[in-house]
Every structure is written in C-alpha cells, then in structure tokens.
Amino acid sequence: MTSHSEPHPTPARSTARPEPEYARPGEIFAGAAGHYAASRPPYPDALIDRLEAFVHRFPGGRVLDLGTGPGVIALALAARGIPVTAVDPSTDMLDEGRRQADQLRIRGIEWTEGSSYALPPVKDVCLTIIGDAFHWMVPRAATLASLDRLIVRDGAVALLSRRWHGEPKLPWEPVLRRVRERHLGTDLAAGPSGEPSRREAGTHEQILAASPFPHTHKESTDYELRLSVDQLVAWQFSHAQTSVAALGDRREAYEADLRRELLALEPAGVLQTPSRAHLLIAARTPWSSLPGGRAR
C-alpha cells in the first residue's frame, strides 16, 4: 500500500457556476439496491484497516457513512465494533442494508434516511466516509460546508473509491460504454425520473482544496478485480443511468447486447484485471498535526 500527504494548495479561482441540487435524490437509484448489494465487490481490507485506525483516535467517536447505499462500508466497519450512522436518500437502499446486517448478524448501525442536502443531527462524528458517491453530492462545496458543522475538531472527511477518476480504463469499459450509448445515447439521466446527470466542474481534490477540509492524505492499494459476466451485468443494473428502472422496456435488448459483447471479449465468461483502490482523507489542519497523523 502506498501513501502520501499533500500540502495545502492555493485553490484555483473557478468561474464555473455550481451545479444545482438533484430535485429527487431518493429516486436516483430506484430499483438498484439488490443489484448493488449482489454485484459490487467489497473495498480492500487494507483501506478499511486505515479507516478503523483513524476512528480509534476518537474514543466514543461515530462514523457517518454518507450515501451508504446498501451499507457496504457501514457493514465492514460495524463488524469491527465501530458505531456507524448510515445515511442514504433511498429507502430501498436502506432496507437492503438492514437485510444484509440481519443476515450477517451485524449490529451497531443506525440506518437513517437523509442526504447531503438534509444531514441528520448526528453527534460525535469523527469521520464522514463517502464511498464512490461524492460526485452525486452536488454542489460538492455545499456538502463539505455542511459537514464542517457536523464533524468534531480534528475529525475528517474520507473519500473511498475502488478506482480513482482519471485512471486508465478497465479492459471492458469500452464495451460498457458502446452498449450503453447504443441503447441510451450520450445524454444520460440520473435514474428513472429522467433528471439529467450532473457534471460539476473540478476534481474532488480541487473542491477539497477550497473547502474547510483542505489538507489531504491519500493511500492506495492494489488488488485483483475478478468478475463473472453475470456479476458485471448486474453491476450495470446497480448504476443509476442503467438500472432496470431507468432502462424500462429497453432492459431486455440492452442486457442481451451487453452479454453478447462481453462474451466476445472474454469467451470464458470471467473478466479479470489488476486495479487500484484509493482512500483520500481530508482534514481541517495538516495531516502531520493530527494525533497519530503522520503517514506510515
């Protein structure tokens, strides 16, 4: 695992107007919860270990898993005895998370309906984790300003990602894009409501640099991504733009086309490639000044 901390950069002044909030965030992932839980691989243990180590600096501290979905991160941390408030605007996602927790006999999670636009009044939040969901929380600057009022002193925001934006594409991504555009075009909707997907200017690092959490520390770990064709198809159904609800009566043709092209790419039906997951922790003060904050 590699790690590095970034000095506090001078944020570039942006003239771009912030993207508006989503009108109905709870509907974006309608019908996707089961596919999400069944298809998306877990985050590497090395990054969950790092999150656990950070939280242990705050006796009695609580984690806010914002945009939890079906609770992939919340379940991993609660299984280690960390109290978590798991927040999502989708009641379907929260219900799936509760089902997973019951099945795994994991306790210690408060499943709460809410969003970056309506944060619940959680106390003693030492760490807010956002797993592959920050791009949905537009305008991101407003989300961070709200979290600044919630997170305790010396606490942080953590962005967790299976792959960071801008990294080389996975071998099968051209197939996914080609089939998606063939059936849905290039102007994708955020779920079945038809509301356009937002494309807010600025990288996550740039948004953080201009926020109350400008000091960042990034850790990365390599892992092997191995998926069956069935799992990769289900993964597409877990996306807002290609969920079963968003596809509607195009679902059958889309799925047949996607399976045909994936099997042409990999006739054995198993897709495998090295990948890299990332954890970006952002704090109000330099990382080295936090308790135990020096990079290992």
Protein backbone atom coordinates (compact mmCIF):
# COMPACT_ATOMS: atom_id res chain seq x y z
CA MET A 1 0.00 0.00 0.00
CA THR A 2 1.29 3.46 -0.89
CA SER A 3 0.53 6.71 0.90
CA HIS A 4 1.32 10.39 0.64
CA SER A 5 0.12 13.66 2.13
CA GLU A 6 -0.46 16.82 0.15
CA PRO A 7 0.44 20.32 1.36
CA HIS A 8 -2.39 22.81 1.50
CA PRO A 9 -2.53 24.13 -2.08
CA THR A 10 -3.79 27.54 -3.07
CA PRO A 11 -7.14 26.76 -4.64
CA ALA A 12 -7.66 27.99 -8.16
CA ARG A 13 -10.45 30.50 -8.53
CA SER A 14 -13.26 28.98 -10.52
CA THR A 15 -15.68 30.93 -12.66
CA ALA A 16 -17.90 27.90 -13.26
CA ARG A 17 -21.37 28.07 -11.76
CA PRO A 18 -22.07 25.30 -9.24
CA GLU A 19 -24.42 22.57 -10.41
CA PRO A 20 -27.91 22.66 -8.87
CA GLU A 21 -29.04 20.07 -6.36
CA TYR A 22 -30.85 16.97 -7.54
CA ALA A 23 -34.58 17.50 -7.13
CA ARG A 24 -35.38 13.92 -6.05
CA PRO A 25 -32.20 12.25 -4.78
CA GLY A 26 -34.13 9.38 -3.24
CA GLU A 27 -35.34 8.26 -6.67
CA ILE A 28 -31.97 8.22 -8.46
CA PHE A 29 -31.20 4.60 -7.60
CA ALA A 30 -34.77 3.30 -7.71
CA GLY A 31 -34.79 -0.46 -8.19
CA ALA A 32 -30.99 -0.78 -7.97
CA ALA A 33 -30.46 -1.83 -4.34
CA GLY A 34 -30.49 -5.61 -4.79
CA HIS A 35 -28.20 -5.49 -7.82
CA TYR A 36 -25.87 -3.12 -5.94
CA ALA A 37 -25.51 -5.43 -2.95
CA ALA A 38 -25.08 -8.55 -5.06
CA SER A 39 -22.64 -7.31 -7.69
CA ARG A 40 -20.23 -4.69 -6.39
CA PRO A 41 -17.04 -6.07 -4.85
CA PRO A 42 -16.02 -5.03 -1.32
CA TYR A 43 -13.38 -2.40 -0.71
CA PRO A 44 -9.92 -3.84 0.06
CA ASP A 45 -9.34 -4.69 3.70
CA ALA A 46 -6.17 -2.55 3.78
CA LEU A 47 -8.22 0.62 3.32
CA ILE A 48 -10.88 -0.45 5.83
CA ASP A 49 -8.00 -1.09 8.27
CA ARG A 50 -6.86 2.51 7.76
CA LEU A 51 -10.32 3.88 8.43
CA GLU A 52 -10.57 1.81 11.59
CA ALA A 53 -7.20 3.10 12.79
CA PHE A 54 -8.30 6.69 12.28
CA VAL A 55 -11.58 6.24 14.15
CA HIS A 56 -9.81 4.64 17.13
CA ARG A 57 -8.14 8.01 17.83
CA PHE A 58 -11.53 9.30 18.95
CA PRO A 59 -12.91 7.38 21.96
CA GLY A 60 -16.68 7.38 21.67
CA GLY A 61 -16.49 8.69 18.13
CA ARG A 62 -19.03 7.80 15.47
CA VAL A 63 -18.70 7.33 11.73
CA LEU A 64 -21.16 8.92 9.32
CA ASP A 65 -21.37 6.84 6.14
CA LEU A 66 -22.93 9.36 3.76
CA GLY A 67 -24.51 7.93 0.64
CA THR A 68 -24.21 4.50 2.19
CA GLY A 69 -26.25 2.67 -0.45
CA PRO A 70 -26.82 -0.84 0.92
CA GLY A 71 -24.13 -0.23 3.54
CA VAL A 72 -21.01 -1.82 2.08
CA ILE A 73 -18.70 0.39 4.18
CA ALA A 74 -21.02 0.65 7.17
CA LEU A 75 -21.22 -3.13 7.46
CA ALA A 76 -17.45 -3.53 7.19
CA LEU A 77 -16.82 -1.02 9.99
CA ALA A 78 -19.67 -2.13 12.26
CA ALA A 79 -18.35 -5.69 12.03
CA ARG A 80 -15.22 -4.30 13.73
CA GLY A 81 -17.23 -2.75 16.55
CA ILE A 82 -17.33 0.84 15.23
CA PRO A 83 -20.63 2.70 15.67
CA VAL A 84 -21.94 3.93 12.33
CA THR A 85 -24.78 6.13 11.19
CA ALA A 86 -25.56 5.03 7.64
CA VAL A 87 -27.37 7.73 5.66
CA ASP A 88 -28.98 7.45 2.23
CA PRO A 89 -31.92 9.15 0.49
CA SER A 90 -33.15 5.81 -0.89
CA THR A 91 -35.37 3.79 1.42
CA ASP A 92 -34.79 0.78 -0.86
CA MET A 93 -31.05 1.01 -0.26
CA LEU A 94 -31.53 1.34 3.50
CA ASP A 95 -33.88 -1.65 3.56
CA GLU A 96 -31.30 -3.72 1.67
CA GLY A 97 -28.63 -2.62 4.15
CA ARG A 98 -30.80 -3.69 7.08
CA ARG A 99 -31.41 -7.03 5.38
CA GLN A 100 -27.68 -7.56 4.90
CA ALA A 101 -26.98 -6.59 8.52
CA ASP A 102 -29.59 -9.05 9.80
CA GLN A 103 -28.24 -11.81 7.58
CA LEU A 104 -24.66 -11.19 8.77
CA ARG A 105 -25.78 -10.57 12.38
CA ILE A 106 -24.05 -7.20 12.46
CA ARG A 107 -25.24 -4.64 14.98
CA GLY A 108 -24.27 -1.05 15.73
CA ILE A 109 -25.60 0.66 12.60
CA GLU A 110 -28.23 3.38 12.68
CA TRP A 111 -29.92 3.30 9.25
CA THR A 112 -31.16 6.83 8.57
CA GLU A 113 -32.95 8.38 5.63
CA GLY A 114 -31.24 11.59 4.58
CA SER A 115 -28.79 13.06 2.10
CA SER A 116 -26.07 15.64 1.66
CA TYR A 117 -28.93 18.15 1.32
CA ALA A 118 -30.54 17.08 4.59
CA LEU A 119 -27.95 15.74 7.03
CA PRO A 120 -29.34 14.15 10.19
CA PRO A 121 -28.27 15.73 13.52
CA VAL A 122 -25.67 13.10 14.40
CA LYS A 123 -23.41 13.76 17.39
CA ASP A 124 -19.73 12.91 17.90
CA VAL A 125 -18.97 12.36 14.21
CA CYS A 126 -15.21 11.96 13.96
CA LEU A 127 -15.18 10.74 10.37
CA THR A 128 -17.57 11.09 7.45
CA ILE A 129 -16.98 8.47 4.78
CA ILE A 130 -18.24 8.81 1.23
CA GLY A 131 -17.71 5.70 -0.87
CA ASP A 132 -17.82 6.27 -4.65
CA ALA A 133 -20.66 8.74 -4.16
CA PHE A 134 -19.21 12.24 -3.78
CA HIS A 135 -19.92 13.08 -7.42
CA TRP A 136 -23.65 12.76 -6.65
CA MET A 137 -23.50 15.34 -3.84
CA VAL A 138 -23.63 18.46 -5.98
CA PRO A 139 -22.76 21.12 -5.29
CA ARG A 140 -19.89 19.37 -3.53
CA ALA A 141 -18.67 22.58 -1.87
CA ALA A 142 -22.02 22.95 -0.10
CA THR A 143 -21.81 19.34 1.10
CA LEU A 144 -18.40 19.98 2.67
CA ALA A 145 -19.63 23.20 4.29
CA SER A 146 -22.49 21.26 5.89
CA LEU A 147 -20.12 18.54 7.09
CA ASP A 148 -17.89 21.21 8.64
CA ARG A 149 -20.74 22.00 11.04
CA LEU A 150 -21.12 18.33 11.97
CA ILE A 151 -17.65 16.82 12.28
CA VAL A 152 -15.73 17.17 15.54
CA ARG A 153 -12.45 19.03 15.88
CA ASP A 154 -9.58 17.04 14.32
CA GLY A 155 -12.15 14.91 12.51
CA ALA A 156 -12.07 14.37 8.78
CA VAL A 157 -13.85 13.53 5.55
CA ALA A 158 -12.78 10.34 3.76
CA LEU A 159 -13.42 9.57 0.10
CA LEU A 160 -13.14 5.88 -0.67
CA SER A 161 -13.02 4.65 -4.25
CA ARG A 162 -12.47 1.33 -5.99
CA ARG A 163 -10.83 3.30 -8.81
CA TRP A 164 -9.98 6.99 -8.94
CA HIS A 165 -11.28 9.23 -11.71
CA GLY A 166 -8.76 9.68 -14.50
CA GLU A 167 -7.02 6.33 -14.09
CA PRO A 168 -6.62 4.02 -17.12
CA LYS A 169 -9.88 2.42 -18.13
CA LEU A 170 -10.60 -1.21 -17.34
CA PRO A 171 -10.36 -3.54 -20.37
CA TRP A 172 -14.13 -3.97 -20.63
CA GLU A 173 -15.11 -0.31 -20.20
CA PRO A 174 -15.19 0.41 -23.96
CA VAL A 175 -17.75 -2.39 -24.29
CA LEU A 176 -19.89 -0.97 -21.47
CA ARG A 177 -19.79 2.49 -23.00
CA ARG A 178 -20.53 1.30 -26.54
CA VAL A 179 -23.55 -0.77 -25.49
CA ARG A 180 -24.85 1.97 -23.19
CA GLU A 181 -24.67 4.62 -25.90
CA ARG A 182 -26.26 2.26 -28.43
CA HIS A 183 -29.34 1.87 -26.24
CA LEU A 184 -29.45 5.11 -24.22
CA GLY A 185 -27.47 7.69 -26.15
CA THR A 186 -24.91 10.03 -24.59
CA ASP A 187 -27.16 12.30 -22.50
CA LEU A 188 -27.79 10.06 -19.54
CA ALA A 189 -30.50 10.53 -16.94
CA ALA A 190 -29.95 10.16 -13.21
CA GLY A 191 -32.39 7.35 -12.66
CA PRO A 192 -35.89 6.69 -13.97
CA SER A 193 -37.19 10.22 -13.25
CA GLY A 194 -35.32 11.50 -16.30
CA GLU A 195 -33.47 14.22 -14.36
CA PRO A 196 -30.16 14.89 -16.18
CA SER A 197 -26.95 13.62 -14.60
CA ARG A 198 -24.80 16.47 -13.28
CA ARG A 199 -21.25 17.07 -14.48
CA GLU A 200 -19.84 19.50 -11.95
CA ALA A 201 -16.52 21.14 -12.82
CA GLY A 202 -13.44 20.45 -10.70
CA THR A 203 -11.78 17.31 -9.37
CA HIS A 204 -12.50 16.11 -5.85
CA GLU A 205 -9.03 17.32 -4.84
CA GLN A 206 -9.75 20.81 -6.20
CA ILE A 207 -13.08 21.00 -4.41
CA LEU A 208 -11.47 19.88 -1.14
CA ALA A 209 -8.62 22.40 -1.50
CA ALA A 210 -11.16 25.25 -1.44
CA SER A 211 -13.20 23.72 1.41
CA PRO A 212 -12.93 23.66 5.22
CA PHE A 213 -11.02 20.34 4.76
CA PRO A 214 -8.08 21.37 2.53
CA HIS A 215 -5.32 19.13 3.90
CA THR A 216 -5.34 15.71 2.28
CA HIS A 217 -3.66 12.36 2.78
CA LYS A 218 -4.05 9.68 0.13
CA GLU A 219 -3.47 5.96 0.39
CA SER A 220 -3.74 3.43 -2.41
CA THR A 221 -3.68 -0.33 -2.56
CA ASP A 222 -3.53 -2.71 -5.50
CA TYR A 223 -5.98 -5.58 -5.81
CA GLU A 224 -7.20 -8.07 -8.38
CA LEU A 225 -10.63 -7.36 -9.81
CA ARG A 226 -12.31 -10.58 -10.93
CA LEU A 227 -15.90 -10.60 -12.19
CA SER A 228 -18.17 -13.05 -13.95
CA VAL A 229 -20.21 -11.77 -16.88
CA ASP A 230 -23.32 -12.22 -14.71
CA GLN A 231 -21.78 -10.06 -11.99
CA LEU A 232 -20.67 -7.34 -14.39
CA VAL A 233 -24.13 -7.20 -15.97
CA ALA A 234 -25.70 -6.91 -12.51
CA TRP A 235 -23.18 -4.17 -11.69
CA GLN A 236 -24.54 -2.17 -14.63
CA PHE A 237 -28.05 -2.59 -13.24
CA SER A 238 -26.77 -1.08 -9.99
CA HIS A 239 -25.89 2.21 -11.73
CA ALA A 240 -28.45 4.99 -11.75
CA GLN A 241 -28.17 5.51 -15.50
CA THR A 242 -28.51 1.82 -16.42
CA SER A 243 -30.70 0.50 -13.63
CA VAL A 244 -33.58 -1.76 -14.56
CA ALA A 245 -35.97 1.10 -13.72
CA ALA A 246 -34.04 3.56 -15.91
CA LEU A 247 -33.86 1.13 -18.83
CA GLY A 248 -37.54 0.30 -18.72
CA ASP A 249 -38.63 -1.64 -21.80
CA ARG A 250 -35.09 -1.37 -23.21
CA ARG A 251 -33.73 -3.68 -20.50
CA GLU A 252 -34.04 -6.98 -22.40
CA ALA A 253 -32.32 -5.74 -25.57
CA TYR A 254 -29.63 -3.93 -23.56
CA GLU A 255 -28.83 -6.98 -21.47
CA ALA A 256 -28.69 -9.34 -24.47
CA ASP A 257 -26.42 -6.94 -26.34
CA LEU A 258 -24.15 -6.45 -23.33
CA ARG A 259 -23.79 -10.18 -22.65
CA ARG A 260 -23.01 -10.86 -26.31
CA GLU A 261 -20.26 -8.25 -26.43
CA LEU A 262 -18.74 -9.24 -23.06
CA LEU A 263 -18.58 -12.90 -24.08
CA ALA A 264 -16.97 -11.88 -27.37
CA LEU A 265 -14.33 -10.06 -25.31
CA GLU A 266 -13.87 -12.93 -22.84
CA PRO A 267 -15.43 -16.22 -24.04
CA ALA A 268 -14.69 -17.95 -20.72
CA GLY A 269 -17.14 -15.59 -19.06
CA VAL A 270 -14.70 -14.33 -16.42
CA LEU A 271 -13.14 -10.87 -16.60
CA GLN A 272 -10.05 -10.18 -14.55
CA THR A 273 -7.59 -7.31 -14.29
CA PRO A 274 -5.30 -5.60 -11.77
CA SER A 275 -6.87 -2.50 -10.25
CA ARG A 276 -6.12 0.05 -7.55
CA ALA A 277 -8.39 1.35 -4.80
CA HIS A 278 -7.89 4.69 -3.08
CA LEU A 279 -8.61 6.42 0.20
CA LEU A 280 -8.40 10.22 0.38
CA ILE A 281 -8.70 11.66 3.90
CA ALA A 282 -9.24 15.41 4.12
CA ALA A 283 -8.82 17.37 7.35
CA ARG A 284 -9.00 20.96 8.54
CA THR A 285 -5.37 21.00 9.67
CA PRO A 286 -2.20 19.44 8.20
CA TRP A 287 -2.23 15.69 8.42
CA SER A 288 1.04 15.59 10.39
CA SER A 289 -0.51 17.74 13.15
CA LEU A 290 -3.35 15.33 13.84
CA PRO A 291 -2.99 12.75 16.64
CA GLY A 292 -1.05 9.87 15.08
CA GLY A 293 -1.44 11.54 11.70
CA ARG A 294 1.98 11.01 10.21
CA ALA A 295 1.96 8.75 7.19
CA ARG A 296 3.09 5.21 7.95
